[in-house]
Protein backbone atom coordinates (compact mmCIF):
# COMPACT_ATOMS: atom_id res chain seq x y z
CA UNK A 1 -16.98 3.57 -4.03
CA UNK A 2 -18.60 0.16 -4.05
CA UNK A 3 -21.95 1.67 -3.06
CA UNK A 4 -21.76 3.75 -6.24
CA UNK A 5 -20.92 0.66 -8.34
CA UNK A 6 -17.40 1.98 -8.90
CA UNK A 7 -14.67 -0.61 -8.42
CA UNK A 8 -11.34 0.43 -6.91
CA UNK A 9 -8.28 0.17 -9.13
CA UNK A 10 -4.53 -0.04 -8.47
CA UNK A 11 -4.29 3.70 -7.88
CA UNK A 12 -7.11 3.87 -5.31
CA UNK A 13 -5.78 0.84 -3.44
CA UNK A 14 -2.26 2.31 -3.47
CA UNK A 15 -3.48 5.60 -1.97
CA UNK A 16 -5.43 3.73 0.70
CA UNK A 17 -2.59 1.37 1.67
CA UNK A 18 0.01 4.14 1.65
CA UNK A 19 -2.14 6.34 3.90
CA UNK A 20 -2.78 3.52 6.34
CA UNK A 21 0.91 2.65 6.43
CA UNK A 22 1.87 6.27 7.09
CA UNK A 23 -0.58 6.28 10.02
CA UNK A 24 1.11 3.11 11.36
CA UNK A 25 -2.01 1.05 10.68
CA UNK A 26 0.03 -1.80 9.24
CA UNK A 27 -2.50 -4.62 9.81
CA UNK A 28 -5.17 -2.65 7.94
CA UNK A 29 -2.72 -1.73 5.15
CA UNK A 30 -1.76 -5.39 4.81
CA UNK A 31 -5.42 -6.42 4.66
CA UNK A 32 -6.15 -4.04 1.78
CA UNK A 33 -2.96 -5.04 -0.03
CA UNK A 34 -4.06 -8.69 0.12
CA UNK A 35 -7.59 -7.72 -0.95
CA UNK A 36 -6.20 -5.83 -3.94
CA UNK A 37 -4.05 -8.77 -5.00
CA UNK A 38 -6.89 -11.28 -4.52
CA UNK A 39 -8.89 -9.29 -7.06
CA UNK A 40 -6.06 -9.56 -9.58
CA UNK A 41 -5.04 -5.91 -9.22
CA UNK A 42 -1.29 -5.43 -9.26
CA UNK A 43 0.37 -2.08 -8.53
CA UNK A 44 2.98 -0.82 -10.97
CA UNK A 45 6.69 -0.86 -10.05
CA UNK A 46 6.92 2.61 -8.42
CA UNK A 47 3.74 2.00 -6.43
CA UNK A 48 4.98 -1.42 -5.32
CA UNK A 49 8.26 0.09 -4.14
CA UNK A 50 6.48 2.79 -2.13
CA UNK A 51 4.14 0.26 -0.55
CA UNK A 52 6.95 -2.08 0.42
CA UNK A 53 9.02 0.72 1.91
CA UNK A 54 6.11 1.96 4.02
CA UNK A 55 5.24 -1.53 5.20
CA UNK A 56 8.75 -2.22 6.52
CA UNK A 57 9.55 -1.75 10.19
CA UNK A 58 11.08 1.71 10.81
CA UNK A 59 14.57 0.44 11.71
CA UNK A 60 14.95 -2.16 8.97
CA UNK A 61 18.06 -1.83 6.76
CA UNK A 62 16.07 -0.95 3.63
CA UNK A 63 14.20 1.88 5.39
CA UNK A 64 17.52 3.37 6.52
CA UNK A 65 18.55 3.78 2.86
CA UNK A 66 15.36 5.39 1.60
CA UNK A 67 15.07 8.88 3.08
CA UNK A 68 12.25 11.09 1.92
CA UNK A 69 9.85 8.35 0.85
């Protein structure tokens, strides 16, 4: 994207972070989440919820109450 002079937005970062989290690449997901926020890009409420749920450890109390995410 950057090579084409196209800047990522909240949606593209959300897709990237969510995919990395699903693949258990939490350090990489966290890096891109911080990068997104350092550029002033904030995900909307549903995207934030999905990101937080995927970034939680699998046996945390919140993940036990969110089946199907």
